[in-house]
Amino acid sequence: MPSTLDQLVGGATGPIFRNTTATTDPGPTNDQTQGYGLGSIWINAAAGALRKWMCRSAATGAASWIYVGADYTNGGNGPANESTGFGSGTAQIVAEGNIFRSVSAGVTCGGSGNDFVIGVYTIPGNSFDIAGRGVTITAQGSFGGNTNSKRVKIIFNPVAAVIGQVINGGTLVADTGSVLTNGSGWSIQANIFKYGVNGSNTQIGLHQQSQVGPAVSPLVAPTLLTATESGAIIVAVTGNPGTLPGDISMNLMEVNAVN
C-alpha cells in the first residue's frame, strides 16, 4: 500500500500529481483543474533552471507554488524574483550582485586617435525581461604621466567589440570627456535599466559618474536605447589616447545585475 508521501506526490493511487519534466516554472493556472493539490511537486528541468517547487494552494486560476531550491551544483539557478526580507519589516530585497568582473595589471589600447576596446562583457539574451531589471557598469584605471589627450567611454550595444580593436558602432552612455591630465587614476560608471512592457526593446542609459583624479566630469544626459532584449547585448569600455596607446590603462571592469 502506498505511503501518504507517495499519494501526495502522485503514487499509484494518489489523487495529486507531480511534474518532474517541466521546462518552465509553475504559475497560477497550474491548479487543481490540472490535478495538482497541496503538496504537489513541480521540477523545472530546463538547462539553467533545475528548480523545485511545492504547491501551497491549488485554487482554480490562483494556484500558489513555493520555491524549494535549485540544483546549483549542476548549473541550476533560483528564480529571478527570489527575495528575502529587509530587517523585520515587510519590504523585500530581490537578489542582486556581480555577474562579471575583470581585474588585471592593466589593459591598454591597441592604438591611438580612436576608441579602442579595453573591456567588454556580453549580457545574455532575455536578461532585460521586465521593467526595472538593469546592470551597473564600472571601470577604473590610470592615465600616463604626460599631458597628451586621453578619453574613456562606456558604449552600449555595439555591433562588435574586441579587446585591442576599434569599437564598431554602439551608443555612448558614459564619458570622461577628453582630458590632458598628467597621471592620476580614473573611474567611470553607468546604469542601464529596462523600462516599458515586456519585449518592447526599451532601455535607458544613465551616466552615473566620471572622475579623473580630483576632477569630476559632466554627466552625459540619459539616453533612450533600443537593443533587442531577446538577444545578447554587448557593453564595452573604450579608451581614446590622443598620442600613445599606453596612456590609458584599465585595471577593473565590473558588471553588477540589478533585479
C-alpha atoms as a PDB file:
ATOM      1  CA  MET A   1       0.000   0.000   0.000  1.00  0.00           C
ATOM      2  CA  PRO A   2       1.497   3.380  -0.953  1.00  0.00           C
ATOM      3  CA  SER A   3       2.567   5.715   1.840  1.00  0.00           C
ATOM      4  CA  THR A   4       0.995   9.114   2.471  1.00  0.00           C
ATOM      5  CA  LEU A   5       4.005  10.783   0.791  1.00  0.00           C
ATOM      6  CA  ASP A   6       3.576   8.612  -2.307  1.00  0.00           C
ATOM      7  CA  GLN A   7      -0.031   9.709  -2.519  1.00  0.00           C
ATOM      8  CA  LEU A   8       0.879  13.379  -2.155  1.00  0.00           C
ATOM      9  CA  VAL A   9       3.429  13.252  -4.962  1.00  0.00           C
ATOM     10  CA  GLY A  10       1.451  11.100  -7.340  1.00  0.00           C
ATOM     11  CA  GLY A  11       1.740   7.452  -6.293  1.00  0.00           C
ATOM     12  CA  ALA A  12      -0.312   4.732  -7.950  1.00  0.00           C
ATOM     13  CA  THR A  13      -3.458   5.653  -6.036  1.00  0.00           C
ATOM     14  CA  GLY A  14      -2.631   9.226  -5.073  1.00  0.00           C
ATOM     15  CA  PRO A  15      -5.032  11.921  -6.277  1.00  0.00           C
ATOM     16  CA  ILE A  16      -2.369  14.630  -6.570  1.00  0.00           C
ATOM     17  CA  PHE A  17       0.029  14.811  -9.474  1.00  0.00           C
ATOM     18  CA  ARG A  18       3.702  15.699  -9.678  1.00  0.00           C
ATOM     19  CA  ASN A  19       5.558  17.110 -12.671  1.00  0.00           C
ATOM     20  CA  THR A  20       9.265  16.299 -12.869  1.00  0.00           C
ATOM     21  CA  THR A  21       9.867  17.104 -16.546  1.00  0.00           C
ATOM     22  CA  ALA A  22       8.578  20.685 -16.853  1.00  0.00           C
ATOM     23  CA  THR A  23      10.642  23.260 -18.733  1.00  0.00           C
ATOM     24  CA  THR A  24       9.071  26.317 -17.087  1.00  0.00           C
ATOM     25  CA  ASP A  25       8.267  27.359 -13.537  1.00  0.00           C
ATOM     26  CA  PRO A  26       4.683  26.776 -12.317  1.00  0.00           C
ATOM     27  CA  GLY A  27       2.137  29.570 -12.322  1.00  0.00           C
ATOM     28  CA  PRO A  28      -1.366  30.409 -11.047  1.00  0.00           C
ATOM     29  CA  THR A  29      -3.080  28.327 -13.752  1.00  0.00           C
ATOM     30  CA  ASN A  30      -1.205  25.147 -12.803  1.00  0.00           C
ATOM     31  CA  ASP A  31      -4.011  24.390 -10.384  1.00  0.00           C
ATOM     32  CA  GLN A  32      -6.488  21.736  -9.260  1.00  0.00           C
ATOM     33  CA  THR A  33      -8.039  21.563 -12.743  1.00  0.00           C
ATOM     34  CA  GLN A  34      -4.754  20.012 -13.880  1.00  0.00           C
ATOM     35  CA  GLY A  35      -4.693  17.563 -10.983  1.00  0.00           C
ATOM     36  CA  TYR A  36      -2.379  19.486  -8.658  1.00  0.00           C
ATOM     37  CA  GLY A  37      -3.069  19.935  -4.955  1.00  0.00           C
ATOM     38  CA  LEU A  38      -1.479  20.805  -1.644  1.00  0.00           C
ATOM     39  CA  GLY A  39       1.980  19.210  -1.553  1.00  0.00           C
ATOM     40  CA  SER A  40       2.326  18.556  -5.299  1.00  0.00           C
ATOM     41  CA  ILE A  41       5.916  18.707  -6.551  1.00  0.00           C
ATOM     42  CA  TRP A  42       6.977  20.529  -9.715  1.00  0.00           C
ATOM     43  CA  ILE A  43      10.513  20.399 -11.128  1.00  0.00           C
ATOM     44  CA  ASN A  44      11.631  22.780 -13.842  1.00  0.00           C
ATOM     45  CA  ALA A  45      14.196  20.520 -15.527  1.00  0.00           C
ATOM     46  CA  ALA A  46      15.289  23.025 -18.191  1.00  0.00           C
ATOM     47  CA  ALA A  47      19.010  23.707 -18.526  1.00  0.00           C
ATOM     48  CA  GLY A  48      19.970  26.692 -16.394  1.00  0.00           C
ATOM     49  CA  ALA A  49      16.916  26.242 -14.149  1.00  0.00           C
ATOM     50  CA  LEU A  50      16.786  22.837 -12.390  1.00  0.00           C
ATOM     51  CA  ARG A  51      14.375  24.285  -9.825  1.00  0.00           C
ATOM     52  CA  LYS A  52      11.988  22.506  -7.443  1.00  0.00           C
ATOM     53  CA  TRP A  53       8.595  23.863  -6.334  1.00  0.00           C
ATOM     54  CA  MET A  54       5.861  22.699  -3.949  1.00  0.00           C
ATOM     55  CA  CYS A  55       2.184  23.555  -4.226  1.00  0.00           C
ATOM     56  CA  ARG A  56       0.815  25.562  -1.299  1.00  0.00           C
ATOM     57  CA  SER A  57      -2.649  26.088  -2.764  1.00  0.00           C
ATOM     58  CA  ALA A  58      -4.231  24.724  -5.943  1.00  0.00           C
ATOM     59  CA  ALA A  59      -7.203  27.118  -6.138  1.00  0.00           C
ATOM     60  CA  THR A  60      -8.518  27.379  -9.686  1.00  0.00           C
ATOM     61  CA  GLY A  61      -6.720  30.166 -11.554  1.00  0.00           C
ATOM     62  CA  ALA A  62      -4.900  31.227  -8.395  1.00  0.00           C
ATOM     63  CA  ALA A  63      -2.529  28.384  -7.539  1.00  0.00           C
ATOM     64  CA  SER A  64       0.350  29.242  -5.220  1.00  0.00           C
ATOM     65  CA  TRP A  65       3.721  27.498  -5.505  1.00  0.00           C
ATOM     66  CA  ILE A  66       6.628  27.720  -3.070  1.00  0.00           C
ATOM     67  CA  TYR A  67      10.181  27.691  -4.418  1.00  0.00           C
ATOM     68  CA  VAL A  68      12.049  24.911  -2.600  1.00  0.00           C
ATOM     69  CA  GLY A  69      15.530  25.103  -4.125  1.00  0.00           C
ATOM     70  CA  ALA A  70      17.750  24.579  -7.173  1.00  0.00           C
ATOM     71  CA  ASP A  71      20.414  22.068  -8.152  1.00  0.00           C
ATOM     72  CA  TYR A  72      23.203  24.658  -8.140  1.00  0.00           C
ATOM     73  CA  THR A  73      25.995  22.067  -8.468  1.00  0.00           C
ATOM     74  CA  ASN A  74      24.671  21.073 -11.896  1.00  0.00           C
ATOM     75  CA  GLY A  75      24.008  24.543 -13.308  1.00  0.00           C
ATOM     76  CA  GLY A  76      20.658  25.308 -11.680  1.00  0.00           C
ATOM     77  CA  ASN A  77      19.547  28.818 -10.740  1.00  0.00           C
ATOM     78  CA  GLY A  78      16.957  30.332  -8.437  1.00  0.00           C
ATOM     79  CA  PRO A  79      14.010  32.251  -9.980  1.00  0.00           C
ATOM     80  CA  ALA A  80      14.596  35.873 -10.936  1.00  0.00           C
ATOM     81  CA  ASN A  81      12.087  37.129  -8.353  1.00  0.00           C
ATOM     82  CA  GLU A  82      13.592  35.245  -5.400  1.00  0.00           C
ATOM     83  CA  SER A  83      13.720  37.675  -2.460  1.00  0.00           C
ATOM     84  CA  THR A  84      14.423  37.988   1.220  1.00  0.00           C
ATOM     85  CA  GLY A  85      13.132  40.296   3.939  1.00  0.00           C
ATOM     86  CA  PHE A  86      14.691  43.670   4.745  1.00  0.00           C
ATOM     87  CA  GLY A  87      15.080  43.521   8.520  1.00  0.00           C
ATOM     88  CA  SER A  88      11.843  42.601  10.288  1.00  0.00           C
ATOM     89  CA  GLY A  89       9.693  44.818   8.068  1.00  0.00           C
ATOM     90  CA  THR A  90       7.605  43.893   5.070  1.00  0.00           C
ATOM     91  CA  ALA A  91       9.983  45.276   2.415  1.00  0.00           C
ATOM     92  CA  GLN A  92      11.517  42.618   0.192  1.00  0.00           C
ATOM     93  CA  ILE A  93      15.031  42.559  -1.294  1.00  0.00           C
ATOM     94  CA  VAL A  94      15.363  40.776  -4.629  1.00  0.00           C
ATOM     95  CA  ALA A  95      18.698  39.044  -5.223  1.00  0.00           C
ATOM     96  CA  GLU A  96      21.277  41.252  -6.943  1.00  0.00           C
ATOM     97  CA  GLY A  97      25.017  41.059  -7.436  1.00  0.00           C
ATOM     98  CA  ASN A  98      28.077  40.706  -9.614  1.00  0.00           C
ATOM     99  CA  ILE A  99      27.790  38.905 -12.954  1.00  0.00           C
ATOM    100  CA  PHE A 100      31.157  39.891 -14.456  1.00  0.00           C
ATOM    101  CA  ARG A 101      34.499  41.102 -13.133  1.00  0.00           C
ATOM    102  CA  SER A 102      37.826  41.508 -14.900  1.00  0.00           C
ATOM    103  CA  VAL A 103      40.871  42.540 -12.848  1.00  0.00           C
ATOM    104  CA  SER A 104      44.347  42.910 -14.338  1.00  0.00           C
ATOM    105  CA  ALA A 105      47.676  44.683 -14.029  1.00  0.00           C
ATOM    106  CA  GLY A 106      46.440  46.948 -16.803  1.00  0.00           C
ATOM    107  CA  VAL A 107      44.777  46.633 -20.228  1.00  0.00           C
ATOM    108  CA  THR A 108      45.999  49.285 -22.666  1.00  0.00           C
ATOM    109  CA  CYS A 109      44.700  50.475 -26.005  1.00  0.00           C
ATOM    110  CA  GLY A 110      45.557  48.833 -29.323  1.00  0.00           C
ATOM    111  CA  GLY A 111      46.388  52.174 -30.925  1.00  0.00           C
ATOM    112  CA  SER A 112      45.751  55.906 -30.640  1.00  0.00           C
ATOM    113  CA  GLY A 113      43.431  58.513 -32.086  1.00  0.00           C
ATOM    114  CA  ASN A 114      40.294  56.344 -31.922  1.00  0.00           C
ATOM    115  CA  ASP A 115      38.040  54.474 -29.461  1.00  0.00           C
ATOM    116  CA  PHE A 116      39.836  51.201 -28.720  1.00  0.00           C
ATOM    117  CA  VAL A 117      38.117  48.473 -26.683  1.00  0.00           C
ATOM    118  CA  ILE A 118      39.786  47.851 -23.315  1.00  0.00           C
ATOM    119  CA  GLY A 119      36.914  45.969 -21.635  1.00  0.00           C
ATOM    120  CA  VAL A 120      33.863  44.049 -22.854  1.00  0.00           C
ATOM    121  CA  TYR A 121      31.009  41.945 -21.486  1.00  0.00           C
ATOM    122  CA  THR A 122      28.068  40.322 -23.288  1.00  0.00           C
ATOM    123  CA  ILE A 123      24.772  40.441 -21.373  1.00  0.00           C
ATOM    124  CA  PRO A 124      22.849  37.195 -22.053  1.00  0.00           C
ATOM    125  CA  GLY A 125      19.607  37.384 -24.028  1.00  0.00           C
ATOM    126  CA  ASN A 126      16.364  37.857 -22.055  1.00  0.00           C
ATOM    127  CA  SER A 127      18.181  39.445 -19.099  1.00  0.00           C
ATOM    128  CA  PHE A 128      16.062  42.598 -19.575  1.00  0.00           C
ATOM    129  CA  ASP A 129      12.810  40.629 -19.379  1.00  0.00           C
ATOM    130  CA  ILE A 130      10.692  43.014 -17.272  1.00  0.00           C
ATOM    131  CA  ALA A 131      10.726  46.698 -16.358  1.00  0.00           C
ATOM    132  CA  GLY A 132      13.207  47.580 -13.631  1.00  0.00           C
ATOM    133  CA  ARG A 133      15.860  44.991 -14.458  1.00  0.00           C
ATOM    134  CA  GLY A 134      19.258  46.528 -15.075  1.00  0.00           C
ATOM    135  CA  VAL A 135      23.024  46.479 -14.851  1.00  0.00           C
ATOM    136  CA  THR A 136      25.636  48.784 -13.380  1.00  0.00           C
ATOM    137  CA  ILE A 137      28.906  49.003 -15.323  1.00  0.00           C
ATOM    138  CA  THR A 138      32.018  50.263 -13.530  1.00  0.00           C
ATOM    139  CA  ALA A 139      35.573  50.647 -14.844  1.00  0.00           C
ATOM    140  CA  GLN A 140      38.725  52.013 -13.210  1.00  0.00           C
ATOM    141  CA  GLY A 141      42.316  52.550 -14.277  1.00  0.00           C
ATOM    142  CA  SER A 142      45.121  55.077 -14.675  1.00  0.00           C
ATOM    143  CA  PHE A 143      46.467  57.654 -17.147  1.00  0.00           C
ATOM    144  CA  GLY A 144      50.047  58.120 -18.337  1.00  0.00           C
ATOM    145  CA  GLY A 145      52.281  60.776 -16.813  1.00  0.00           C
ATOM    146  CA  ASN A 146      52.069  63.361 -19.606  1.00  0.00           C
ATOM    147  CA  THR A 147      49.705  65.998 -20.966  1.00  0.00           C
ATOM    148  CA  ASN A 148      48.588  64.050 -24.044  1.00  0.00           C
ATOM    149  CA  SER A 149      44.819  63.902 -24.563  1.00  0.00           C
ATOM    150  CA  LYS A 150      43.005  60.909 -23.023  1.00  0.00           C
ATOM    151  CA  ARG A 151      39.336  59.839 -23.012  1.00  0.00           C
ATOM    152  CA  VAL A 152      37.380  56.856 -21.652  1.00  0.00           C
ATOM    153  CA  LYS A 153      33.798  55.881 -22.601  1.00  0.00           C
ATOM    154  CA  ILE A 154      31.189  53.230 -21.871  1.00  0.00           C
ATOM    155  CA  ILE A 155      29.447  52.082 -25.063  1.00  0.00           C
ATOM    156  CA  PHE A 156      26.176  50.117 -25.123  1.00  0.00           C
ATOM    157  CA  ASN A 157      25.155  47.614 -27.801  1.00  0.00           C
ATOM    158  CA  PRO A 158      27.958  47.972 -30.365  1.00  0.00           C
ATOM    159  CA  VAL A 159      27.883  45.738 -33.429  1.00  0.00           C
ATOM    160  CA  ALA A 160      31.197  44.249 -32.303  1.00  0.00           C
ATOM    161  CA  ALA A 161      33.739  44.872 -29.547  1.00  0.00           C
ATOM    162  CA  VAL A 162      37.090  43.085 -29.443  1.00  0.00           C
ATOM    163  CA  ILE A 163      39.796  43.926 -26.896  1.00  0.00           C
ATOM    164  CA  GLY A 164      42.548  45.930 -28.608  1.00  0.00           C
ATOM    165  CA  GLN A 165      40.467  46.851 -31.649  1.00  0.00           C
ATOM    166  CA  VAL A 166      38.469  49.958 -32.574  1.00  0.00           C
ATOM    167  CA  ILE A 167      34.851  49.590 -31.454  1.00  0.00           C
ATOM    168  CA  ASN A 168      32.193  49.090 -34.118  1.00  0.00           C
ATOM    169  CA  GLY A 169      29.017  51.117 -33.539  1.00  0.00           C
ATOM    170  CA  GLY A 170      27.040  51.381 -30.304  1.00  0.00           C
ATOM    171  CA  THR A 171      25.627  54.194 -28.178  1.00  0.00           C
ATOM    172  CA  LEU A 172      27.611  56.367 -25.779  1.00  0.00           C
ATOM    173  CA  VAL A 173      26.225  56.171 -22.216  1.00  0.00           C
ATOM    174  CA  ALA A 174      29.162  57.486 -20.124  1.00  0.00           C
ATOM    175  CA  ASP A 175      32.196  59.632 -20.937  1.00  0.00           C
ATOM    176  CA  THR A 176      35.124  61.212 -19.098  1.00  0.00           C
ATOM    177  CA  GLY A 177      35.485  63.734 -21.875  1.00  0.00           C
ATOM    178  CA  SER A 178      38.874  64.489 -23.382  1.00  0.00           C
ATOM    179  CA  VAL A 179      41.361  65.424 -20.644  1.00  0.00           C
ATOM    180  CA  LEU A 180      45.051  66.380 -20.524  1.00  0.00           C
ATOM    181  CA  THR A 181      45.573  65.059 -17.008  1.00  0.00           C
ATOM    182  CA  ASN A 182      49.187  64.214 -16.174  1.00  0.00           C
ATOM    183  CA  GLY A 183      48.999  60.820 -14.468  1.00  0.00           C
ATOM    184  CA  SER A 184      46.330  60.032 -11.844  1.00  0.00           C
ATOM    185  CA  GLY A 185      43.542  57.459 -11.678  1.00  0.00           C
ATOM    186  CA  TRP A 186      40.200  57.456 -13.453  1.00  0.00           C
ATOM    187  CA  SER A 187      36.797  55.924 -12.743  1.00  0.00           C
ATOM    188  CA  ILE A 188      33.627  55.739 -14.840  1.00  0.00           C
ATOM    189  CA  GLN A 189      30.198  54.224 -14.154  1.00  0.00           C
ATOM    190  CA  ALA A 190      26.839  53.868 -15.907  1.00  0.00           C
ATOM    191  CA  ASN A 191      23.468  52.219 -15.241  1.00  0.00           C
ATOM    192  CA  ILE A 192      21.304  50.534 -17.884  1.00  0.00           C
ATOM    193  CA  PHE A 193      17.679  49.817 -16.941  1.00  0.00           C
ATOM    194  CA  LYS A 194      14.792  48.209 -18.783  1.00  0.00           C
ATOM    195  CA  TYR A 195      11.552  50.223 -18.968  1.00  0.00           C
ATOM    196  CA  GLY A 196       8.278  49.666 -20.789  1.00  0.00           C
ATOM    197  CA  VAL A 197       6.363  46.452 -21.412  1.00  0.00           C
ATOM    198  CA  ASN A 198       7.990  43.039 -21.765  1.00  0.00           C
ATOM    199  CA  GLY A 199       9.672  42.530 -25.121  1.00  0.00           C
ATOM    200  CA  SER A 200       9.371  46.180 -26.147  1.00  0.00           C
ATOM    201  CA  ASN A 201      13.156  46.609 -26.570  1.00  0.00           C
ATOM    202  CA  THR A 202      13.232  49.727 -24.420  1.00  0.00           C
ATOM    203  CA  GLN A 203      16.132  50.586 -22.130  1.00  0.00           C
ATOM    204  CA  ILE A 204      17.596  53.763 -20.677  1.00  0.00           C
ATOM    205  CA  GLY A 205      21.280  54.552 -20.186  1.00  0.00           C
ATOM    206  CA  LEU A 206      22.169  56.665 -17.159  1.00  0.00           C
ATOM    207  CA  HIS A 207      25.647  58.123 -16.739  1.00  0.00           C
ATOM    208  CA  GLN A 208      26.319  57.666 -13.039  1.00  0.00           C
ATOM    209  CA  GLN A 209      29.798  59.096 -12.561  1.00  0.00           C
ATOM    210  CA  SER A 210      33.116  60.013 -14.234  1.00  0.00           C
ATOM    211  CA  GLN A 211      36.171  61.164 -12.313  1.00  0.00           C
ATOM    212  CA  VAL A 212      39.800  61.761 -13.276  1.00  0.00           C
ATOM    213  CA  GLY A 213      41.984  62.372 -10.238  1.00  0.00           C
ATOM    214  CA  PRO A 214      40.156  65.018  -8.169  1.00  0.00           C
ATOM    215  CA  ALA A 215      38.145  66.330 -11.152  1.00  0.00           C
ATOM    216  CA  VAL A 216      34.551  65.168 -11.728  1.00  0.00           C
ATOM    217  CA  SER A 217      33.395  65.202 -15.357  1.00  0.00           C
ATOM    218  CA  PRO A 218      29.958  66.413 -16.539  1.00  0.00           C
ATOM    219  CA  LEU A 219      27.342  63.700 -16.923  1.00  0.00           C
ATOM    220  CA  VAL A 220      26.024  62.522 -20.273  1.00  0.00           C
ATOM    221  CA  ALA A 221      22.258  63.110 -20.475  1.00  0.00           C
ATOM    222  CA  PRO A 222      20.074  59.994 -20.036  1.00  0.00           C
ATOM    223  CA  THR A 223      19.885  58.059 -23.292  1.00  0.00           C
ATOM    224  CA  LEU A 224      16.903  56.054 -24.599  1.00  0.00           C
ATOM    225  CA  LEU A 225      18.097  52.734 -26.028  1.00  0.00           C
ATOM    226  CA  THR A 226      16.512  50.070 -28.238  1.00  0.00           C
ATOM    227  CA  ALA A 227      18.679  46.948 -28.023  1.00  0.00           C
ATOM    228  CA  THR A 228      16.937  43.674 -28.915  1.00  0.00           C
ATOM    229  CA  GLU A 229      16.194  42.186 -25.492  1.00  0.00           C
ATOM    230  CA  SER A 230      15.754  38.610 -26.671  1.00  0.00           C
ATOM    231  CA  GLY A 231      19.348  38.546 -27.911  1.00  0.00           C
ATOM    232  CA  ALA A 232      22.765  39.053 -26.358  1.00  0.00           C
ATOM    233  CA  ILE A 233      23.763  42.691 -25.762  1.00  0.00           C
ATOM    234  CA  ILE A 234      27.378  43.884 -25.649  1.00  0.00           C
ATOM    235  CA  VAL A 235      28.650  46.558 -23.255  1.00  0.00           C
ATOM    236  CA  ALA A 236      32.178  47.865 -23.689  1.00  0.00           C
ATOM    237  CA  VAL A 237      34.690  50.254 -22.170  1.00  0.00           C
ATOM    238  CA  THR A 238      36.864  52.156 -24.642  1.00  0.00           C
ATOM    239  CA  GLY A 239      39.965  54.285 -24.384  1.00  0.00           C
ATOM    240  CA  ASN A 240      40.996  57.019 -26.834  1.00  0.00           C
ATOM    241  CA  PRO A 241      44.612  58.072 -26.259  1.00  0.00           C
ATOM    242  CA  GLY A 242      45.493  61.004 -28.491  1.00  0.00           C
ATOM    243  CA  THR A 243      49.160  60.071 -28.857  1.00  0.00           C
ATOM    244  CA  LEU A 244      50.391  56.948 -27.063  1.00  0.00           C
ATOM    245  CA  PRO A 245      48.394  53.677 -26.677  1.00  0.00           C
ATOM    246  CA  GLY A 246      49.840  53.165 -23.196  1.00  0.00           C
ATOM    247  CA  ASP A 247      48.495  56.493 -21.942  1.00  0.00           C
ATOM    248  CA  ILE A 248      45.265  54.741 -20.898  1.00  0.00           C
ATOM    249  CA  SER A 249      45.298  51.616 -18.731  1.00  0.00           C
ATOM    250  CA  MET A 250      42.263  49.815 -17.273  1.00  0.00           C
ATOM    251  CA  ASN A 251      42.609  47.653 -14.150  1.00  0.00           C
ATOM    252  CA  LEU A 252      38.968  46.812 -13.384  1.00  0.00           C
ATOM    253  CA  MET A 253      35.756  46.293 -15.290  1.00  0.00           C
ATOM    254  CA  GLU A 254      32.761  45.103 -13.313  1.00  0.00           C
ATOM    255  CA  VAL A 255      29.123  44.485 -14.225  1.00  0.00           C
ATOM    256  CA  ASN A 256      26.552  44.092 -11.441  1.00  0.00           C
ATOM    257  CA  ALA A 257      22.988  42.897 -12.048  1.00  0.00           C
ATOM    258  CA  VAL A 258      20.138  44.901 -10.505  1.00  0.00           C
ATOM    259  CA  ASN A 259      16.925  42.889 -10.185  1.00  0.00           C
END
